[in-house]
Amino acid sequence: MVRVVDRDTFYVDWTRNNYTESEEKIQLLFVNTLELSQSHKSQDLQFGLSARDFLKGRLQNRPLQLWVSLQFPRDLYQQTLGLLQA
């Protein structure tokens, strides 16, 4: 199960039990679009929303592979960093 936050961040529920203890936040590497929180500050919200919706569409009902570096698995905020193959 996947829940998209914005254009480069989503939550994965590894055990499919409605996002409780098994939820993990994933930050995609090499994605550069507007943050939704920045879109509200004199930015065009349309671009942030369309980027989020694009990611949602790519993640729905597809086999997914998440590639995580063993050397650098997390960022400063302890989010898992990864490349996603959909």
PDB file of N, CA and C in Angstrom:
ATOM      1  N   MET A   1       0.846  -1.179   0.000  1.00  0.00           N
ATOM      2  CA  MET A   1       0.000   0.000   0.000  1.00  0.00           C
ATOM      3  C   MET A   1       0.888   1.237   0.000  1.00  0.00           C
ATOM      4  N   VAL A   2       0.498   2.229  -0.800  1.00  0.00           N
ATOM      5  CA  VAL A   2       1.294   3.436  -0.952  1.00  0.00           C
ATOM      6  C   VAL A   2       0.386   4.650  -0.787  1.00  0.00           C
ATOM      7  N   ARG A   3       0.876   5.650  -0.027  1.00  0.00           N
ATOM      8  CA  ARG A   3       0.148   6.917   0.126  1.00  0.00           C
ATOM      9  C   ARG A   3       1.108   8.036  -0.249  1.00  0.00           C
ATOM     10  N   VAL A   4       0.750   8.830  -1.262  1.00  0.00           N
ATOM     11  CA  VAL A   4       1.613   9.885  -1.775  1.00  0.00           C
ATOM     12  C   VAL A   4       1.397  11.175  -0.984  1.00  0.00           C
ATOM     13  N   VAL A   5       2.497  11.811  -0.585  1.00  0.00           N
ATOM     14  CA  VAL A   5       2.448  13.079   0.141  1.00  0.00           C
ATOM     15  C   VAL A   5       2.605  14.238  -0.828  1.00  0.00           C
ATOM     16  N   ASP A   6       3.676  14.247  -1.598  1.00  0.00           N
ATOM     17  CA  ASP A   6       3.881  15.254  -2.623  1.00  0.00           C
ATOM     18  C   ASP A   6       4.693  14.657  -3.758  1.00  0.00           C
ATOM     19  N   ARG A   7       5.377  15.477  -4.513  1.00  0.00           N
ATOM     20  CA  ARG A   7       5.999  15.015  -5.760  1.00  0.00           C
ATOM     21  C   ARG A   7       7.142  14.052  -5.574  1.00  0.00           C
ATOM     22  N   ASP A   8       7.749  13.997  -4.393  1.00  0.00           N
ATOM     23  CA  ASP A   8       8.894  13.104  -4.197  1.00  0.00           C
ATOM     24  C   ASP A   8       8.860  12.344  -2.879  1.00  0.00           C
ATOM     25  N   THR A   9       7.727  12.356  -2.209  1.00  0.00           N
ATOM     26  CA  THR A   9       7.627  11.717  -0.904  1.00  0.00           C
ATOM     27  C   THR A   9       6.356  10.891  -0.829  1.00  0.00           C
ATOM     28  N   PHE A  10       6.507   9.674  -0.329  1.00  0.00           N
ATOM     29  CA  PHE A  10       5.335   8.828  -0.155  1.00  0.00           C
ATOM     30  C   PHE A  10       5.568   7.901   1.026  1.00  0.00           C
ATOM     31  N   TYR A  11       4.491   7.351   1.527  1.00  0.00           N
ATOM     32  CA  TYR A  11       4.542   6.382   2.618  1.00  0.00           C
ATOM     33  C   TYR A  11       4.223   5.007   2.061  1.00  0.00           C
ATOM     34  N   VAL A  12       4.948   4.019   2.568  1.00  0.00           N
ATOM     35  CA  VAL A  12       4.718   2.633   2.194  1.00  0.00           C
ATOM     36  C   VAL A  12       4.294   1.882   3.445  1.00  0.00           C
ATOM     37  N   ASP A  13       3.248   1.108   3.318  1.00  0.00           N
ATOM     38  CA  ASP A  13       2.808   0.229   4.400  1.00  0.00           C
ATOM     39  C   ASP A  13       3.224  -1.175   4.002  1.00  0.00           C
ATOM     40  N   TRP A  14       4.347  -1.627   4.540  1.00  0.00           N
ATOM     41  CA  TRP A  14       4.933  -2.894   4.112  1.00  0.00           C
ATOM     42  C   TRP A  14       4.031  -4.093   4.393  1.00  0.00           C
ATOM     43  N   THR A  15       3.197  -4.035   5.414  1.00  0.00           N
ATOM     44  CA  THR A  15       2.358  -5.186   5.753  1.00  0.00           C
ATOM     45  C   THR A  15       0.895  -4.987   5.384  1.00  0.00           C
ATOM     46  N   ARG A  16       0.573  -3.865   4.763  1.00  0.00           N
ATOM     47  CA  ARG A  16      -0.799  -3.579   4.305  1.00  0.00           C
ATOM     48  C   ARG A  16      -1.815  -3.621   5.440  1.00  0.00           C
ATOM     49  N   ASN A  17      -1.447  -3.038   6.579  1.00  0.00           N
ATOM     50  CA  ASN A  17      -2.385  -3.056   7.701  1.00  0.00           C
ATOM     51  C   ASN A  17      -2.828  -1.646   8.090  1.00  0.00           C
ATOM     52  N   ASN A  18      -3.118  -0.837   7.104  1.00  0.00           N
ATOM     53  CA  ASN A  18      -3.695   0.492   7.292  1.00  0.00           C
ATOM     54  C   ASN A  18      -2.782   1.482   8.007  1.00  0.00           C
ATOM     55  N   TYR A  19      -1.524   1.497   7.643  1.00  0.00           N
ATOM     56  CA  TYR A  19      -0.584   2.524   8.075  1.00  0.00           C
ATOM     57  C   TYR A  19      -0.485   2.670   9.586  1.00  0.00           C
ATOM     58  N   THR A  20      -0.027   1.653  10.234  1.00  0.00           N
ATOM     59  CA  THR A  20       0.196   1.760  11.679  1.00  0.00           C
ATOM     60  C   THR A  20       1.697   1.692  11.940  1.00  0.00           C
ATOM     61  N   GLU A  21       2.157   0.669  12.591  1.00  0.00           N
ATOM     62  CA  GLU A  21       3.574   0.553  12.947  1.00  0.00           C
ATOM     63  C   GLU A  21       4.474   0.250  11.745  1.00  0.00           C
ATOM     64  N   SER A  22       3.922  -0.253  10.667  1.00  0.00           N
ATOM     65  CA  SER A  22       4.752  -0.693   9.551  1.00  0.00           C
ATOM     66  C   SER A  22       4.963   0.390   8.499  1.00  0.00           C
ATOM     67  N   GLU A  23       4.454   1.580   8.738  1.00  0.00           N
ATOM     68  CA  GLU A  23       4.555   2.656   7.756  1.00  0.00           C
ATOM     69  C   GLU A  23       5.985   3.205   7.693  1.00  0.00           C
ATOM     70  N   GLU A  24       6.455   3.484   6.477  1.00  0.00           N
ATOM     71  CA  GLU A  24       7.780   4.060   6.297  1.00  0.00           C
ATOM     72  C   GLU A  24       7.710   5.178   5.263  1.00  0.00           C
ATOM     73  N   LYS A  25       8.350   6.304   5.580  1.00  0.00           N
ATOM     74  CA  LYS A  25       8.374   7.454   4.678  1.00  0.00           C
ATOM     75  C   LYS A  25       9.548   7.307   3.724  1.00  0.00           C
ATOM     76  N   ILE A  26       9.258   7.450   2.432  1.00  0.00           N
ATOM     77  CA  ILE A  26      10.267   7.299   1.384  1.00  0.00           C
ATOM     78  C   ILE A  26      10.442   8.638   0.673  1.00  0.00           C
ATOM     79  N   GLN A  27      11.686   9.052   0.521  1.00  0.00           N
ATOM     80  CA  GLN A  27      12.033  10.274  -0.217  1.00  0.00           C
ATOM     81  C   GLN A  27      12.733   9.834  -1.497  1.00  0.00           C
ATOM     82  N   LEU A  28      12.183  10.198  -2.652  1.00  0.00           N
ATOM     83  CA  LEU A  28      12.786   9.802  -3.918  1.00  0.00           C
ATOM     84  C   LEU A  28      14.011  10.647  -4.227  1.00  0.00           C
ATOM     85  N   LEU A  29      15.030   9.993  -4.714  1.00  0.00           N
ATOM     86  CA  LEU A  29      16.242  10.683  -5.135  1.00  0.00           C
ATOM     87  C   LEU A  29      16.073  11.236  -6.550  1.00  0.00           C
ATOM     88  N   PHE A  30      16.745  12.325  -6.839  1.00  0.00           N
ATOM     89  CA  PHE A  30      16.837  12.917  -8.178  1.00  0.00           C
ATOM     90  C   PHE A  30      15.507  13.446  -8.713  1.00  0.00           C
ATOM     91  N   VAL A  31      14.591  13.827  -7.834  1.00  0.00           N
ATOM     92  CA  VAL A  31      13.331  14.425  -8.255  1.00  0.00           C
ATOM     93  C   VAL A  31      13.382  15.889  -7.839  1.00  0.00           C
ATOM     94  N   ASN A  32      13.158  16.794  -8.797  1.00  0.00           N
ATOM     95  CA  ASN A  32      13.272  18.217  -8.512  1.00  0.00           C
ATOM     96  C   ASN A  32      12.039  18.955  -9.041  1.00  0.00           C
ATOM     97  N   THR A  33      11.019  19.065  -8.220  1.00  0.00           N
ATOM     98  CA  THR A  33       9.826  19.842  -8.548  1.00  0.00           C
ATOM     99  C   THR A  33       9.436  20.642  -7.317  1.00  0.00           C
ATOM    100  N   LEU A  34       8.458  21.508  -7.460  1.00  0.00           N
ATOM    101  CA  LEU A  34       8.011  22.330  -6.341  1.00  0.00           C
ATOM    102  C   LEU A  34       7.487  21.487  -5.197  1.00  0.00           C
ATOM    103  N   GLU A  35       7.838  21.895  -3.985  1.00  0.00           N
ATOM    104  CA  GLU A  35       7.223  21.306  -2.797  1.00  0.00           C
ATOM    105  C   GLU A  35       5.808  21.861  -2.693  1.00  0.00           C
ATOM    106  N   LEU A  36       4.851  21.055  -2.268  1.00  0.00           N
ATOM    107  CA  LEU A  36       3.491  21.562  -2.098  1.00  0.00           C
ATOM    108  C   LEU A  36       3.450  22.681  -1.066  1.00  0.00           C
ATOM    109  N   SER A  37       4.241  22.579  -0.004  1.00  0.00           N
ATOM    110  CA  SER A  37       4.236  23.629   1.012  1.00  0.00           C
ATOM    111  C   SER A  37       4.772  24.943   0.456  1.00  0.00           C
ATOM    112  N   GLN A  38       5.702  24.894  -0.487  1.00  0.00           N
ATOM    113  CA  GLN A  38       6.230  26.098  -1.112  1.00  0.00           C
ATOM    114  C   GLN A  38       5.273  26.641  -2.158  1.00  0.00           C
ATOM    115  N   SER A  39       4.447  25.797  -2.719  1.00  0.00           N
ATOM    116  CA  SER A  39       3.529  26.226  -3.765  1.00  0.00           C
ATOM    117  C   SER A  39       2.536  27.250  -3.244  1.00  0.00           C
ATOM    118  N   HIS A  40       2.219  27.183  -1.959  1.00  0.00           N
ATOM    119  CA  HIS A  40       1.258  28.109  -1.387  1.00  0.00           C
ATOM    120  C   HIS A  40       1.860  29.482  -1.124  1.00  0.00           C
ATOM    121  N   LYS A  41       3.173  29.604  -1.161  1.00  0.00           N
ATOM    122  CA  LYS A  41       3.853  30.861  -0.841  1.00  0.00           C
ATOM    123  C   LYS A  41       4.239  31.587  -2.126  1.00  0.00           C
ATOM    124  N   SER A  42       3.257  32.182  -2.777  1.00  0.00           N
ATOM    125  CA  SER A  42       3.464  32.959  -4.010  1.00  0.00           C
ATOM    126  C   SER A  42       3.962  32.109  -5.169  1.00  0.00           C
ATOM    127  N   GLN A  43       3.854  30.821  -5.059  1.00  0.00           N
ATOM    128  CA  GLN A  43       4.212  29.935  -6.154  1.00  0.00           C
ATOM    129  C   GLN A  43       2.931  29.426  -6.795  1.00  0.00           C
ATOM    130  N   ASP A  44       3.057  28.787  -7.917  1.00  0.00           N
ATOM    131  CA  ASP A  44       1.891  28.245  -8.599  1.00  0.00           C
ATOM    132  C   ASP A  44       1.583  26.856  -8.067  1.00  0.00           C
ATOM    133  N   LEU A  45       0.528  26.736  -7.303  1.00  0.00           N
ATOM    134  CA  LEU A  45       0.132  25.462  -6.701  1.00  0.00           C
ATOM    135  C   LEU A  45      -0.128  24.397  -7.758  1.00  0.00           C
ATOM    136  N   GLN A  46      -0.528  24.799  -8.942  1.00  0.00           N
ATOM    137  CA  GLN A  46      -0.865  23.858 -10.008  1.00  0.00           C
ATOM    138  C   GLN A  46       0.301  22.912 -10.312  1.00  0.00           C
ATOM    139  N   PHE A  47       1.526  23.412 -10.309  1.00  0.00           N
ATOM    140  CA  PHE A  47       2.670  22.566 -10.652  1.00  0.00           C
ATOM    141  C   PHE A  47       2.958  21.538  -9.568  1.00  0.00           C
ATOM    142  N   GLY A  48       2.862  21.944  -8.317  1.00  0.00           N
ATOM    143  CA  GLY A  48       3.079  20.996  -7.227  1.00  0.00           C
ATOM    144  C   GLY A  48       2.019  19.906  -7.208  1.00  0.00           C
ATOM    145  N   LEU A  49       0.765  20.283  -7.446  1.00  0.00           N
ATOM    146  CA  LEU A  49      -0.321  19.299  -7.460  1.00  0.00           C
ATOM    147  C   LEU A  49      -0.199  18.350  -8.641  1.00  0.00           C
ATOM    148  N   SER A  50       0.173  18.875  -9.794  1.00  0.00           N
ATOM    149  CA  SER A  50       0.291  17.997 -10.973  1.00  0.00           C
ATOM    150  C   SER A  50       1.454  17.024 -10.803  1.00  0.00           C
ATOM    151  N   ALA A  51       2.541  17.454 -10.151  1.00  0.00           N
ATOM    152  CA  ALA A  51       3.665  16.546  -9.893  1.00  0.00           C
ATOM    153  C   ALA A  51       3.249  15.451  -8.926  1.00  0.00           C
ATOM    154  N   ARG A  52       2.507  15.810  -7.882  1.00  0.00           N
ATOM    155  CA  ARG A  52       2.019  14.812  -6.915  1.00  0.00           C
ATOM    156  C   ARG A  52       1.086  13.818  -7.602  1.00  0.00           C
ATOM    157  N   ASP A  53       0.169  14.327  -8.424  1.00  0.00           N
ATOM    158  CA  ASP A  53      -0.775  13.453  -9.111  1.00  0.00           C
ATOM    159  C   ASP A  53      -0.076  12.523 -10.099  1.00  0.00           C
ATOM    160  N   PHE A  54       1.002  13.013 -10.731  1.00  0.00           N
ATOM    161  CA  PHE A  54       1.776  12.166 -11.634  1.00  0.00           C
ATOM    162  C   PHE A  54       2.375  10.991 -10.863  1.00  0.00           C
ATOM    163  N   LEU A  55       2.960  11.275  -9.692  1.00  0.00           N
ATOM    164  CA  LEU A  55       3.538  10.200  -8.884  1.00  0.00           C
ATOM    165  C   LEU A  55       2.463   9.216  -8.436  1.00  0.00           C
ATOM    166  N   LYS A  56       1.306   9.722  -8.016  1.00  0.00           N
ATOM    167  CA  LYS A  56       0.197   8.831  -7.629  1.00  0.00           C
ATOM    168  C   LYS A  56      -0.156   7.883  -8.769  1.00  0.00           C
ATOM    169  N   GLY A  57      -0.258   8.426  -9.968  1.00  0.00           N
ATOM    170  CA  GLY A  57      -0.615   7.613 -11.125  1.00  0.00           C
ATOM    171  C   GLY A  57       0.417   6.541 -11.434  1.00  0.00           C
ATOM    172  N   ARG A  58       1.687   6.876 -11.249  1.00  0.00           N
ATOM    173  CA  ARG A  58       2.752   5.909 -11.522  1.00  0.00           C
ATOM    174  C   ARG A  58       2.789   4.773 -10.498  1.00  0.00           C
ATOM    175  N   LEU A  59       2.325   5.062  -9.278  1.00  0.00           N
ATOM    176  CA  LEU A  59       2.427   4.074  -8.209  1.00  0.00           C
ATOM    177  C   LEU A  59       1.211   3.167  -8.086  1.00  0.00           C
ATOM    178  N   GLN A  60       0.124   3.489  -8.751  1.00  0.00           N
ATOM    179  CA  GLN A  60      -1.105   2.721  -8.585  1.00  0.00           C
ATOM    180  C   GLN A  60      -1.084   1.430  -9.384  1.00  0.00           C
ATOM    181  N   ASN A  61      -1.365   0.339  -8.708  1.00  0.00           N
ATOM    182  CA  ASN A  61      -1.579  -0.970  -9.333  1.00  0.00           C
ATOM    183  C   ASN A  61      -0.447  -1.394 -10.247  1.00  0.00           C
ATOM    184  N   ARG A  62       0.759  -1.197  -9.813  1.00  0.00           N
ATOM    185  CA  ARG A  62       1.912  -1.611 -10.612  1.00  0.00           C
ATOM    186  C   ARG A  62       2.884  -2.377  -9.715  1.00  0.00           C
ATOM    187  N   PRO A  63       3.620  -3.287 -10.318  1.00  0.00           N
ATOM    188  CA  PRO A  63       4.719  -3.862  -9.542  1.00  0.00           C
ATOM    189  C   PRO A  63       5.782  -2.772  -9.350  1.00  0.00           C
ATOM    190  N   LEU A  64       6.274  -2.623  -8.134  1.00  0.00           N
ATOM    191  CA  LEU A  64       7.251  -1.591  -7.820  1.00  0.00           C
ATOM    192  C   LEU A  64       8.505  -2.207  -7.248  1.00  0.00           C
ATOM    193  N   GLN A  65       9.647  -1.559  -7.531  1.00  0.00           N
ATOM    194  CA  GLN A  65      10.905  -1.939  -6.905  1.00  0.00           C
ATOM    195  C   GLN A  65      11.520  -0.672  -6.333  1.00  0.00           C
ATOM    196  N   LEU A  66      11.919  -0.721  -5.089  1.00  0.00           N
ATOM    197  CA  LEU A  66      12.568   0.400  -4.437  1.00  0.00           C
ATOM    198  C   LEU A  66      14.023   0.029  -4.199  1.00  0.00           C
ATOM    199  N   TRP A  67      14.918   0.855  -4.726  1.00  0.00           N
ATOM    200  CA  TRP A  67      16.349   0.621  -4.585  1.00  0.00           C
ATOM    201  C   TRP A  67      16.890   1.587  -3.541  1.00  0.00           C
ATOM    202  N   VAL A  68      17.493   1.053  -2.484  1.00  0.00           N
ATOM    203  CA  VAL A  68      18.032   1.852  -1.390  1.00  0.00           C
ATOM    204  C   VAL A  68      19.511   1.519  -1.233  1.00  0.00           C
ATOM    205  N   SER A  69      20.333   2.549  -1.119  1.00  0.00           N
ATOM    206  CA  SER A  69      21.768   2.354  -0.925  1.00  0.00           C
ATOM    207  C   SER A  69      22.036   1.862   0.486  1.00  0.00           C
ATOM    208  N   LEU A  70      22.834   0.832   0.613  1.00  0.00           N
ATOM    209  CA  LEU A  70      23.214   0.338   1.937  1.00  0.00           C
ATOM    210  C   LEU A  70      24.151   1.320   2.637  1.00  0.00           C
ATOM    211  N   GLN A  71      24.888   2.096   1.845  1.00  0.00           N
ATOM    212  CA  GLN A  71      25.836   3.051   2.412  1.00  0.00           C
ATOM    213  C   GLN A  71      25.144   4.316   2.924  1.00  0.00           C
ATOM    214  N   PHE A  72      24.130   4.810   2.191  1.00  0.00           N
ATOM    215  CA  PHE A  72      23.416   6.041   2.566  1.00  0.00           C
ATOM    216  C   PHE A  72      21.908   5.806   2.487  1.00  0.00           C
ATOM    217  N   PRO A  73      21.333   5.032   3.407  1.00  0.00           N
ATOM    218  CA  PRO A  73      19.913   4.692   3.291  1.00  0.00           C
ATOM    219  C   PRO A  73      18.953   5.792   3.746  1.00  0.00           C
ATOM    220  N   ARG A  74      19.422   6.775   4.550  1.00  0.00           N
ATOM    221  CA  ARG A  74      18.503   7.782   5.100  1.00  0.00           C
ATOM    222  C   ARG A  74      19.082   9.188   4.971  1.00  0.00           C
ATOM    223  N   ASP A  75      18.164  10.178   4.945  1.00  0.00           N
ATOM    224  CA  ASP A  75      18.587  11.569   4.890  1.00  0.00           C
ATOM    225  C   ASP A  75      18.677  12.162   6.300  1.00  0.00           C
ATOM    226  N   LEU A  76      18.874  13.474   6.391  1.00  0.00           N
ATOM    227  CA  LEU A  76      19.005  14.139   7.698  1.00  0.00           C
ATOM    228  C   LEU A  76      17.755  14.020   8.553  1.00  0.00           C
ATOM    229  N   TYR A  77      16.591  13.827   7.911  1.00  0.00           N
ATOM    230  CA  TYR A  77      15.314  13.717   8.624  1.00  0.00           C
ATOM    231  C   TYR A  77      14.920  12.264   8.872  1.00  0.00           C
ATOM    232  N   GLN A  78      15.847  11.347   8.628  1.00  0.00           N
ATOM    233  CA  GLN A  78      15.641   9.907   8.826  1.00  0.00           C
ATOM    234  C   GLN A  78      14.599   9.312   7.888  1.00  0.00           C
ATOM    235  N   GLN A  79      14.409   9.950   6.741  1.00  0.00           N
ATOM    236  CA  GLN A  79      13.544   9.374   5.707  1.00  0.00           C
ATOM    237  C   GLN A  79      14.387   8.418   4.869  1.00  0.00           C
ATOM    238  N   THR A  80      13.809   7.327   4.460  1.00  0.00           N
ATOM    239  CA  THR A  80      14.502   6.401   3.573  1.00  0.00           C
ATOM    240  C   THR A  80      14.658   7.057   2.211  1.00  0.00           C
ATOM    241  N   LEU A  81      15.865   7.036   1.665  1.00  0.00           N
ATOM    242  CA  LEU A  81      16.150   7.581   0.346  1.00  0.00           C
ATOM    243  C   LEU A  81      16.180   6.447  -0.661  1.00  0.00           C
ATOM    244  N   GLY A  82      15.539   6.642  -1.790  1.00  0.00           N
ATOM    245  CA  GLY A  82      15.527   5.554  -2.735  1.00  0.00           C
ATOM    246  C   GLY A  82      15.222   5.961  -4.158  1.00  0.00           C
ATOM    247  N   LEU A  83      15.546   5.053  -5.050  1.00  0.00           N
ATOM    248  CA  LEU A  83      15.161   5.141  -6.451  1.00  0.00           C
ATOM    249  C   LEU A  83      14.011   4.168  -6.653  1.00  0.00           C
ATOM    250  N   LEU A  84      13.015   4.609  -7.355  1.00  0.00           N
ATOM    251  CA  LEU A  84      11.826   3.793  -7.540  1.00  0.00           C
ATOM    252  C   LEU A  84      11.705   3.373  -8.995  1.00  0.00           C
ATOM    253  N   GLN A  85      11.495   2.086  -9.196  1.00  0.00           N
ATOM    254  CA  GLN A  85      11.242   1.561 -10.531  1.00  0.00           C
ATOM    255  C   GLN A  85       9.796   1.096 -10.566  1.00  0.00           C
ATOM    256  N   ALA A  86       9.012   1.712 -11.448  1.00  0.00           N
ATOM    257  CA  ALA A  86       7.591   1.369 -11.544  1.00  0.00           C
ATOM    258  C   ALA A  86       7.271   0.903 -12.955  1.00  0.00           C
TER     259      ALA A  86
END
